[in-house]
Amino acid sequence: MRVTVDHLGRTVEIPALPRRIVSLCPSQTETLFSLGVGAYVVGATRYCVEPALSLGNVARVGGTKKLQWEKLHELSPDLVICEKEENPREMVEELERHYPVFVTDVRDIPSALRMIEDLGALVGATMEAAVLSARVRDALSRVLPLAKPKTVYLIWRKPTMVAGSDTFIDSMLELCGFENLARSLTGRYPEVTAQQLAELKPEIVLLSSEPYPFKHEHFDEIRAILPEAEIYLADGQAFSWYGSRLVHFPEYFQKYFNEAFSGLRR
């Protein structure tokens, strides 16, 4: 056994090489496979859908907010990986009564890189994590930022919720050169009324594919509130999955937004 400290400053005693891992956050699950230790992931949530072709033998233990405890206990994990934003405190507290639990706390790009490196250290893939972290840094350095178009990023409908400050999405919006108007609001994911949305006067509205699956059919609702704004669908995985998927972000951003925003480059 060895002792480590997670992102919340908690001391965690874990096996030298965990070989029965339950991952309760989609980004971390995908990253573990990218680090080459997917064979040791025995459990994940139903939202852990990537890498799709490699998850066939991984047991599902419920959602990120509510677990199927009997299924989880049957797996007898020697390490459970949680994320502060995704998994409730009560869940973590119950888990740590039975298993070693490492909690990550990703709110921006630097903490995402730390997460990758720390996962590597946890599972005996330190070199692989260093390579992956370097690839992510290089990839994100190739993003060509826009010229600060005034933007809101919607994550939920009824009630309307937007990504505010101190969130990973806000960090990605900043990287891309969007001016996130929701930073002026209170809370990390504030609810907004139609009037508040109109008062923000965004030039661009991004409708995320997750957690709420916005589609083109929702454009008219937004146009009724913001008739002069340009509206786009945004890949929620691209903007909010903070693990190995970040390697592919520049290609996504250039392919999807390059033509639409060609006049907004710095």
C-alpha atoms as a PDB file:
ATOM      1  CA  MET A   1       0.000   0.000   0.000  1.00  0.00           C
ATOM      2  CA  ARG A   2       1.031   3.604  -0.467  1.00  0.00           C
ATOM      3  CA  VAL A   3      -0.314   6.966   0.641  1.00  0.00           C
ATOM      4  CA  THR A   4      -1.248   9.792  -1.702  1.00  0.00           C
ATOM      5  CA  VAL A   5      -3.179  13.060  -1.510  1.00  0.00           C
ATOM      6  CA  ASP A   6      -6.112  13.782  -3.815  1.00  0.00           C
ATOM      7  CA  HIS A   7      -7.242  17.124  -5.254  1.00  0.00           C
ATOM      8  CA  LEU A   8      -9.294  17.935  -2.156  1.00  0.00           C
ATOM      9  CA  GLY A   9      -6.270  17.487   0.091  1.00  0.00           C
ATOM     10  CA  ARG A  10      -7.557  14.162   1.427  1.00  0.00           C
ATOM     11  CA  THR A  11      -4.996  11.535   2.385  1.00  0.00           C
ATOM     12  CA  VAL A  12      -5.803   8.274   0.593  1.00  0.00           C
ATOM     13  CA  GLU A  13      -4.171   4.883   1.108  1.00  0.00           C
ATOM     14  CA  ILE A  14      -4.226   2.935  -2.151  1.00  0.00           C
ATOM     15  CA  PRO A  15      -2.650  -0.287  -3.462  1.00  0.00           C
ATOM     16  CA  ALA A  16       0.762   0.053  -5.047  1.00  0.00           C
ATOM     17  CA  LEU A  17      -0.807  -0.961  -8.372  1.00  0.00           C
ATOM     18  CA  PRO A  18      -4.632  -0.843  -8.398  1.00  0.00           C
ATOM     19  CA  ARG A  19      -6.087  -3.580 -10.557  1.00  0.00           C
ATOM     20  CA  ARG A  20      -9.834  -3.264  -9.886  1.00  0.00           C
ATOM     21  CA  ILE A  21     -10.727   0.335 -10.642  1.00  0.00           C
ATOM     22  CA  VAL A  22     -14.188   1.876 -10.621  1.00  0.00           C
ATOM     23  CA  SER A  23     -14.336   5.240 -12.391  1.00  0.00           C
ATOM     24  CA  LEU A  24     -17.352   7.459 -11.741  1.00  0.00           C
ATOM     25  CA  CYS A  25     -16.671  10.282 -14.188  1.00  0.00           C
ATOM     26  CA  PRO A  26     -16.729   9.935 -17.995  1.00  0.00           C
ATOM     27  CA  SER A  27     -13.627  12.047 -18.624  1.00  0.00           C
ATOM     28  CA  GLN A  28     -11.565  10.033 -16.171  1.00  0.00           C
ATOM     29  CA  THR A  29     -12.837   6.728 -17.563  1.00  0.00           C
ATOM     30  CA  GLU A  30     -11.810   7.639 -21.103  1.00  0.00           C
ATOM     31  CA  THR A  31      -8.459   8.912 -19.850  1.00  0.00           C
ATOM     32  CA  LEU A  32      -7.705   5.652 -18.031  1.00  0.00           C
ATOM     33  CA  PHE A  33      -8.137   3.774 -21.307  1.00  0.00           C
ATOM     34  CA  SER A  34      -5.922   6.304 -23.053  1.00  0.00           C
ATOM     35  CA  LEU A  35      -3.242   5.619 -20.443  1.00  0.00           C
ATOM     36  CA  GLY A  36      -3.332   1.928 -21.343  1.00  0.00           C
ATOM     37  CA  VAL A  37      -4.919   0.652 -18.129  1.00  0.00           C
ATOM     38  CA  GLY A  38      -8.433   0.074 -19.415  1.00  0.00           C
ATOM     39  CA  ALA A  39      -8.139  -3.633 -18.658  1.00  0.00           C
ATOM     40  CA  TYR A  40      -8.174  -2.737 -14.963  1.00  0.00           C
ATOM     41  CA  VAL A  41     -11.359  -0.650 -15.151  1.00  0.00           C
ATOM     42  CA  VAL A  42     -14.020  -3.020 -13.833  1.00  0.00           C
ATOM     43  CA  GLY A  43     -16.822  -0.504 -13.242  1.00  0.00           C
ATOM     44  CA  ALA A  44     -18.090   2.822 -14.554  1.00  0.00           C
ATOM     45  CA  THR A  45     -21.266   4.899 -14.769  1.00  0.00           C
ATOM     46  CA  ARG A  46     -23.821   4.661 -17.549  1.00  0.00           C
ATOM     47  CA  TYR A  47     -22.590   8.048 -18.746  1.00  0.00           C
ATOM     48  CA  CYS A  48     -19.103   6.671 -19.360  1.00  0.00           C
ATOM     49  CA  VAL A  49     -19.591   6.038 -23.074  1.00  0.00           C
ATOM     50  CA  GLU A  50     -16.049   6.451 -24.395  1.00  0.00           C
ATOM     51  CA  PRO A  51     -14.040   4.680 -25.657  1.00  0.00           C
ATOM     52  CA  ALA A  52     -17.202   2.981 -26.933  1.00  0.00           C
ATOM     53  CA  LEU A  53     -15.462  -0.032 -28.474  1.00  0.00           C
ATOM     54  CA  SER A  54     -13.576  -0.861 -25.267  1.00  0.00           C
ATOM     55  CA  LEU A  55     -16.306  -0.685 -22.641  1.00  0.00           C
ATOM     56  CA  GLY A  56     -18.133  -3.918 -23.389  1.00  0.00           C
ATOM     57  CA  ASN A  57     -16.789  -5.802 -20.377  1.00  0.00           C
ATOM     58  CA  VAL A  58     -17.058  -2.891 -17.933  1.00  0.00           C
ATOM     59  CA  ALA A  59     -19.903  -3.224 -15.412  1.00  0.00           C
ATOM     60  CA  ARG A  60     -22.275  -0.272 -15.018  1.00  0.00           C
ATOM     61  CA  VAL A  61     -22.858   0.851 -11.450  1.00  0.00           C
ATOM     62  CA  GLY A  62     -25.469   3.569 -11.946  1.00  0.00           C
ATOM     63  CA  GLY A  63     -25.133   7.266 -12.634  1.00  0.00           C
ATOM     64  CA  THR A  64     -22.740   9.962 -11.485  1.00  0.00           C
ATOM     65  CA  LYS A  65     -25.211  11.173  -8.828  1.00  0.00           C
ATOM     66  CA  LYS A  66     -26.827   7.904  -7.767  1.00  0.00           C
ATOM     67  CA  LEU A  67     -25.078   4.543  -7.595  1.00  0.00           C
ATOM     68  CA  GLN A  68     -26.398   1.006  -7.653  1.00  0.00           C
ATOM     69  CA  TRP A  69     -24.569   0.038  -4.518  1.00  0.00           C
ATOM     70  CA  GLU A  70     -25.078  -3.703  -4.750  1.00  0.00           C
ATOM     71  CA  LYS A  71     -23.509  -3.815  -8.199  1.00  0.00           C
ATOM     72  CA  LEU A  72     -20.589  -1.691  -7.061  1.00  0.00           C
ATOM     73  CA  HIS A  73     -19.906  -3.829  -3.981  1.00  0.00           C
ATOM     74  CA  GLU A  74     -19.946  -6.973  -6.119  1.00  0.00           C
ATOM     75  CA  LEU A  75     -16.950  -5.581  -8.007  1.00  0.00           C
ATOM     76  CA  SER A  76     -14.796  -5.236  -4.844  1.00  0.00           C
ATOM     77  CA  PRO A  77     -12.774  -2.327  -6.256  1.00  0.00           C
ATOM     78  CA  ASP A  78      -9.341  -1.522  -4.887  1.00  0.00           C
ATOM     79  CA  LEU A  79      -9.631   2.088  -6.128  1.00  0.00           C
ATOM     80  CA  VAL A  80     -12.619   4.339  -6.847  1.00  0.00           C
ATOM     81  CA  ILE A  81     -12.036   7.538  -8.818  1.00  0.00           C
ATOM     82  CA  CYS A  82     -14.513  10.386  -8.313  1.00  0.00           C
ATOM     83  CA  GLU A  83     -14.796  13.987  -9.469  1.00  0.00           C
ATOM     84  CA  LYS A  84     -15.929  16.750  -7.115  1.00  0.00           C
ATOM     85  CA  GLU A  85     -18.309  18.363  -9.613  1.00  0.00           C
ATOM     86  CA  GLU A  86     -19.820  15.105 -10.850  1.00  0.00           C
ATOM     87  CA  ASN A  87     -20.157  13.018  -7.697  1.00  0.00           C
ATOM     88  CA  PRO A  88     -21.978  14.267  -4.545  1.00  0.00           C
ATOM     89  CA  ARG A  89     -20.135  14.526  -1.244  1.00  0.00           C
ATOM     90  CA  GLU A  90     -22.498  12.038   0.386  1.00  0.00           C
ATOM     91  CA  MET A  91     -21.617   9.476  -2.279  1.00  0.00           C
ATOM     92  CA  VAL A  92     -17.900   9.977  -1.721  1.00  0.00           C
ATOM     93  CA  GLU A  93     -18.278   9.709   2.045  1.00  0.00           C
ATOM     94  CA  GLU A  94     -20.156   6.415   1.738  1.00  0.00           C
ATOM     95  CA  LEU A  95     -17.649   5.045  -0.772  1.00  0.00           C
ATOM     96  CA  GLU A  96     -14.672   5.839   1.436  1.00  0.00           C
ATOM     97  CA  ARG A  97     -16.182   3.763   4.232  1.00  0.00           C
ATOM     98  CA  HIS A  98     -15.418   0.729   2.075  1.00  0.00           C
ATOM     99  CA  TYR A  99     -12.743   1.579  -0.508  1.00  0.00           C
ATOM    100  CA  PRO A 100      -9.836   3.883  -1.308  1.00  0.00           C
ATOM    101  CA  VAL A 101     -11.398   6.916  -3.036  1.00  0.00           C
ATOM    102  CA  PHE A 102      -9.394   9.472  -5.000  1.00  0.00           C
ATOM    103  CA  VAL A 103     -11.324  12.661  -5.801  1.00  0.00           C
ATOM    104  CA  THR A 104     -10.263  14.984  -8.604  1.00  0.00           C
ATOM    105  CA  ASP A 105     -11.324  18.637  -8.873  1.00  0.00           C
ATOM    106  CA  VAL A 106     -11.061  19.946 -12.427  1.00  0.00           C
ATOM    107  CA  ARG A 107     -12.096  23.543 -13.005  1.00  0.00           C
ATOM    108  CA  ASP A 108      -9.680  24.736 -15.676  1.00  0.00           C
ATOM    109  CA  ILE A 109      -7.032  23.548 -18.126  1.00  0.00           C
ATOM    110  CA  PRO A 110      -4.133  23.425 -15.599  1.00  0.00           C
ATOM    111  CA  SER A 111      -6.176  21.241 -13.223  1.00  0.00           C
ATOM    112  CA  ALA A 112      -7.151  19.010 -16.168  1.00  0.00           C
ATOM    113  CA  LEU A 113      -3.472  18.441 -16.914  1.00  0.00           C
ATOM    114  CA  ARG A 114      -2.859  17.740 -13.243  1.00  0.00           C
ATOM    115  CA  MET A 115      -5.688  15.204 -13.309  1.00  0.00           C
ATOM    116  CA  ILE A 116      -4.110  13.330 -16.219  1.00  0.00           C
ATOM    117  CA  GLU A 117      -0.727  13.218 -14.506  1.00  0.00           C
ATOM    118  CA  ASP A 118      -2.170  12.215 -11.145  1.00  0.00           C
ATOM    119  CA  LEU A 119      -4.224   9.414 -12.677  1.00  0.00           C
ATOM    120  CA  GLY A 120      -1.065   8.127 -14.294  1.00  0.00           C
ATOM    121  CA  ALA A 121       0.743   8.149 -10.960  1.00  0.00           C
ATOM    122  CA  LEU A 122      -2.172   6.319  -9.312  1.00  0.00           C
ATOM    123  CA  VAL A 123      -2.296   3.433 -11.780  1.00  0.00           C
ATOM    124  CA  GLY A 124       1.370   2.911 -12.617  1.00  0.00           C
ATOM    125  CA  ALA A 125       1.299   4.798 -15.907  1.00  0.00           C
ATOM    126  CA  THR A 126       3.434   7.811 -15.026  1.00  0.00           C
ATOM    127  CA  MET A 127       5.342   7.914 -18.305  1.00  0.00           C
ATOM    128  CA  GLU A 128       2.182   7.434 -20.371  1.00  0.00           C
ATOM    129  CA  ALA A 129       0.512  10.278 -18.464  1.00  0.00           C
ATOM    130  CA  ALA A 130       3.485  12.582 -19.042  1.00  0.00           C
ATOM    131  CA  VAL A 131       3.284  11.890 -22.778  1.00  0.00           C
ATOM    132  CA  LEU A 132      -0.494  12.423 -22.844  1.00  0.00           C
ATOM    133  CA  SER A 133      -0.250  15.627 -20.823  1.00  0.00           C
ATOM    134  CA  ALA A 134       2.384  16.960 -23.226  1.00  0.00           C
ATOM    135  CA  ARG A 135       0.179  16.062 -26.200  1.00  0.00           C
ATOM    136  CA  VAL A 136      -2.751  17.951 -24.666  1.00  0.00           C
ATOM    137  CA  ARG A 137      -0.572  21.010 -24.000  1.00  0.00           C
ATOM    138  CA  ASP A 138       0.672  20.966 -27.568  1.00  0.00           C
ATOM    139  CA  ALA A 139      -2.822  20.506 -28.979  1.00  0.00           C
ATOM    140  CA  LEU A 140      -4.352  23.360 -27.022  1.00  0.00           C
ATOM    141  CA  SER A 141      -1.467  25.661 -27.965  1.00  0.00           C
ATOM    142  CA  ARG A 142      -2.614  25.294 -31.595  1.00  0.00           C
ATOM    143  CA  VAL A 143      -6.081  26.732 -31.003  1.00  0.00           C
ATOM    144  CA  LEU A 144      -6.417  30.041 -32.867  1.00  0.00           C
ATOM    145  CA  PRO A 145      -8.495  32.334 -30.618  1.00  0.00           C
ATOM    146  CA  LEU A 146     -11.324  34.530 -31.786  1.00  0.00           C
ATOM    147  CA  ALA A 147     -11.536  38.282 -31.236  1.00  0.00           C
ATOM    148  CA  LYS A 148     -13.640  38.192 -28.053  1.00  0.00           C
ATOM    149  CA  PRO A 149     -17.184  37.800 -29.438  1.00  0.00           C
ATOM    150  CA  LYS A 150     -19.711  38.242 -26.622  1.00  0.00           C
ATOM    151  CA  THR A 151     -20.979  34.741 -25.893  1.00  0.00           C
ATOM    152  CA  VAL A 152     -23.210  32.636 -23.649  1.00  0.00           C
ATOM    153  CA  TYR A 153     -22.953  28.854 -23.415  1.00  0.00           C
ATOM    154  CA  LEU A 154     -26.199  27.100 -22.481  1.00  0.00           C
ATOM    155  CA  ILE A 155     -26.023  23.748 -20.699  1.00  0.00           C
ATOM    156  CA  TRP A 156     -29.670  23.221 -19.688  1.00  0.00           C
ATOM    157  CA  ARG A 157     -33.225  24.001 -20.756  1.00  0.00           C
ATOM    158  CA  LYS A 158     -36.235  24.592 -18.470  1.00  0.00           C
ATOM    159  CA  PRO A 159     -34.737  26.147 -16.465  1.00  0.00           C
ATOM    160  CA  THR A 160     -32.198  27.790 -18.729  1.00  0.00           C
ATOM    161  CA  MET A 161     -28.729  27.379 -17.244  1.00  0.00           C
ATOM    162  CA  VAL A 162     -25.434  28.733 -18.509  1.00  0.00           C
ATOM    163  CA  ALA A 163     -21.779  27.972 -17.849  1.00  0.00           C
ATOM    164  CA  GLY A 164     -20.378  30.685 -15.620  1.00  0.00           C
ATOM    165  CA  SER A 165     -17.038  31.458 -14.027  1.00  0.00           C
ATOM    166  CA  ASP A 166     -14.781  28.939 -12.297  1.00  0.00           C
ATOM    167  CA  THR A 167     -15.860  26.138 -14.633  1.00  0.00           C
ATOM    168  CA  PHE A 168     -13.891  24.067 -17.100  1.00  0.00           C
ATOM    169  CA  ILE A 169     -16.219  25.190 -19.886  1.00  0.00           C
ATOM    170  CA  ASP A 170     -15.382  28.821 -19.090  1.00  0.00           C
ATOM    171  CA  SER A 171     -11.686  27.925 -19.307  1.00  0.00           C
ATOM    172  CA  MET A 172     -12.241  26.408 -22.759  1.00  0.00           C
ATOM    173  CA  LEU A 173     -14.287  29.396 -23.917  1.00  0.00           C
ATOM    174  CA  GLU A 174     -11.447  31.678 -22.859  1.00  0.00           C
ATOM    175  CA  LEU A 175      -8.931  29.512 -24.733  1.00  0.00           C
ATOM    176  CA  CYS A 176     -11.050  29.861 -27.885  1.00  0.00           C
ATOM    177  CA  GLY A 177     -11.314  33.633 -27.554  1.00  0.00           C
ATOM    178  CA  PHE A 178     -14.988  33.835 -26.571  1.00  0.00           C
ATOM    179  CA  GLU A 179     -15.987  36.477 -24.014  1.00  0.00           C
ATOM    180  CA  ASN A 180     -18.180  34.521 -21.600  1.00  0.00           C
ATOM    181  CA  LEU A 181     -20.852  36.994 -20.512  1.00  0.00           C
ATOM    182  CA  ALA A 182     -22.074  34.618 -17.805  1.00  0.00           C
ATOM    183  CA  ARG A 183     -18.979  35.449 -15.783  1.00  0.00           C
ATOM    184  CA  SER A 184     -20.909  38.511 -14.614  1.00  0.00           C
ATOM    185  CA  LEU A 185     -23.555  36.310 -13.005  1.00  0.00           C
ATOM    186  CA  THR A 186     -23.487  34.676  -9.578  1.00  0.00           C
ATOM    187  CA  GLY A 187     -22.694  30.982  -9.432  1.00  0.00           C
ATOM    188  CA  ARG A 188     -20.826  28.483 -11.538  1.00  0.00           C
ATOM    189  CA  TYR A 189     -23.903  27.337 -13.474  1.00  0.00           C
ATOM    190  CA  PRO A 190     -26.483  30.066 -12.907  1.00  0.00           C
ATOM    191  CA  GLU A 191     -30.115  29.869 -13.962  1.00  0.00           C
ATOM    192  CA  VAL A 192     -31.199  32.762 -16.169  1.00  0.00           C
ATOM    193  CA  THR A 193     -34.578  34.115 -17.183  1.00  0.00           C
ATOM    194  CA  ALA A 194     -35.390  35.177 -20.723  1.00  0.00           C
ATOM    195  CA  GLN A 195     -35.093  38.803 -19.597  1.00  0.00           C
ATOM    196  CA  GLN A 196     -31.648  38.228 -18.061  1.00  0.00           C
ATOM    197  CA  LEU A 197     -30.501  36.474 -21.210  1.00  0.00           C
ATOM    198  CA  ALA A 198     -31.724  39.378 -23.324  1.00  0.00           C
ATOM    199  CA  GLU A 199     -29.989  41.880 -21.043  1.00  0.00           C
ATOM    200  CA  LEU A 200     -26.659  40.110 -21.547  1.00  0.00           C
ATOM    201  CA  LYS A 201     -26.916  40.885 -25.302  1.00  0.00           C
ATOM    202  CA  PRO A 202     -24.682  38.078 -26.570  1.00  0.00           C
ATOM    203  CA  GLU A 203     -23.498  38.082 -30.156  1.00  0.00           C
ATOM    204  CA  ILE A 204     -23.134  34.300 -30.088  1.00  0.00           C
ATOM    205  CA  VAL A 205     -25.140  31.617 -28.292  1.00  0.00           C
ATOM    206  CA  LEU A 206     -23.640  28.145 -27.984  1.00  0.00           C
ATOM    207  CA  LEU A 207     -26.116  25.336 -27.249  1.00  0.00           C
ATOM    208  CA  SER A 208     -24.349  22.335 -25.757  1.00  0.00           C
ATOM    209  CA  SER A 209     -25.105  18.727 -26.680  1.00  0.00           C
ATOM    210  CA  GLU A 210     -24.777  17.746 -23.012  1.00  0.00           C
ATOM    211  CA  PRO A 211     -25.865  17.555 -20.273  1.00  0.00           C
ATOM    212  CA  TYR A 212     -29.021  18.788 -22.015  1.00  0.00           C
ATOM    213  CA  PRO A 213     -29.114  17.555 -25.628  1.00  0.00           C
ATOM    214  CA  PHE A 214     -29.834  20.808 -27.442  1.00  0.00           C
ATOM    215  CA  LYS A 215     -30.717  20.429 -31.135  1.00  0.00           C
ATOM    216  CA  HIS A 216     -31.560  22.670 -34.064  1.00  0.00           C
ATOM    217  CA  GLU A 217     -35.211  22.492 -33.052  1.00  0.00           C
ATOM    218  CA  HIS A 218     -34.398  24.685 -30.040  1.00  0.00           C
ATOM    219  CA  PHE A 219     -32.994  27.546 -32.135  1.00  0.00           C
ATOM    220  CA  ASP A 220     -36.387  29.255 -32.499  1.00  0.00           C
ATOM    221  CA  GLU A 221     -36.737  29.487 -28.695  1.00  0.00           C
ATOM    222  CA  ILE A 222     -33.447  31.349 -28.488  1.00  0.00           C
ATOM    223  CA  ARG A 223     -34.192  33.545 -31.516  1.00  0.00           C
ATOM    224  CA  ALA A 224     -37.401  34.685 -29.853  1.00  0.00           C
ATOM    225  CA  ILE A 225     -35.290  36.050 -26.980  1.00  0.00           C
ATOM    226  CA  LEU A 226     -32.167  37.047 -28.903  1.00  0.00           C
ATOM    227  CA  PRO A 227     -33.186  37.810 -32.488  1.00  0.00           C
ATOM    228  CA  GLU A 228     -29.823  39.334 -33.410  1.00  0.00           C
ATOM    229  CA  ALA A 229     -27.582  36.632 -31.940  1.00  0.00           C
ATOM    230  CA  GLU A 230     -25.928  33.911 -33.984  1.00  0.00           C
ATOM    231  CA  ILE A 231     -26.769  30.444 -32.631  1.00  0.00           C
ATOM    232  CA  TYR A 232     -24.618  27.334 -32.892  1.00  0.00           C
ATOM    233  CA  LEU A 233     -24.668  23.816 -31.526  1.00  0.00           C
ATOM    234  CA  ALA A 234     -21.587  22.959 -29.489  1.00  0.00           C
ATOM    235  CA  ASP A 235     -20.175  19.488 -28.834  1.00  0.00           C
ATOM    236  CA  GLY A 236     -20.496  19.114 -25.069  1.00  0.00           C
ATOM    237  CA  GLN A 237     -17.799  16.452 -24.956  1.00  0.00           C
ATOM    238  CA  ALA A 238     -15.358  18.752 -26.755  1.00  0.00           C
ATOM    239  CA  PHE A 239     -15.962  21.661 -24.378  1.00  0.00           C
ATOM    240  CA  SER A 240     -16.445  19.844 -21.066  1.00  0.00           C
ATOM    241  CA  TRP A 241     -14.582  16.505 -21.126  1.00  0.00           C
ATOM    242  CA  TYR A 242     -11.266  17.414 -19.577  1.00  0.00           C
ATOM    243  CA  GLY A 243      -9.138  14.325 -20.153  1.00  0.00           C
ATOM    244  CA  SER A 244      -7.507  12.700 -23.156  1.00  0.00           C
ATOM    245  CA  ARG A 245     -10.273  13.977 -25.481  1.00  0.00           C
ATOM    246  CA  LEU A 246      -8.619  17.410 -25.337  1.00  0.00           C
ATOM    247  CA  VAL A 247      -5.993  16.153 -27.778  1.00  0.00           C
ATOM    248  CA  HIS A 248      -8.631  16.356 -30.516  1.00  0.00           C
ATOM    249  CA  PHE A 249     -10.078  19.746 -29.590  1.00  0.00           C
ATOM    250  CA  PRO A 250      -8.156  21.891 -32.129  1.00  0.00           C
ATOM    251  CA  GLU A 251      -9.358  19.760 -35.044  1.00  0.00           C
ATOM    252  CA  TYR A 252     -12.951  19.965 -33.797  1.00  0.00           C
ATOM    253  CA  PHE A 253     -12.792  23.712 -33.244  1.00  0.00           C
ATOM    254  CA  GLN A 254     -11.222  24.412 -36.625  1.00  0.00           C
ATOM    255  CA  LYS A 255     -13.581  22.106 -38.521  1.00  0.00           C
ATOM    256  CA  TYR A 256     -16.781  23.266 -36.859  1.00  0.00           C
ATOM    257  CA  PHE A 257     -16.136  26.930 -36.191  1.00  0.00           C
ATOM    258  CA  ASN A 258     -13.459  28.006 -38.659  1.00  0.00           C
ATOM    259  CA  GLU A 259     -15.802  28.945 -41.483  1.00  0.00           C
ATOM    260  CA  ALA A 260     -18.558  30.307 -39.257  1.00  0.00           C
ATOM    261  CA  PHE A 261     -16.190  32.500 -37.264  1.00  0.00           C
ATOM    262  CA  SER A 262     -13.636  33.339 -39.940  1.00  0.00           C
ATOM    263  CA  GLY A 263     -14.377  37.056 -39.535  1.00  0.00           C
ATOM    264  CA  LEU A 264     -13.906  36.948 -35.768  1.00  0.00           C
ATOM    265  CA  ARG A 265     -10.238  35.946 -35.640  1.00  0.00           C
ATOM    266  CA  ARG A 266      -7.775  38.152 -33.831  1.00  0.00           C
END
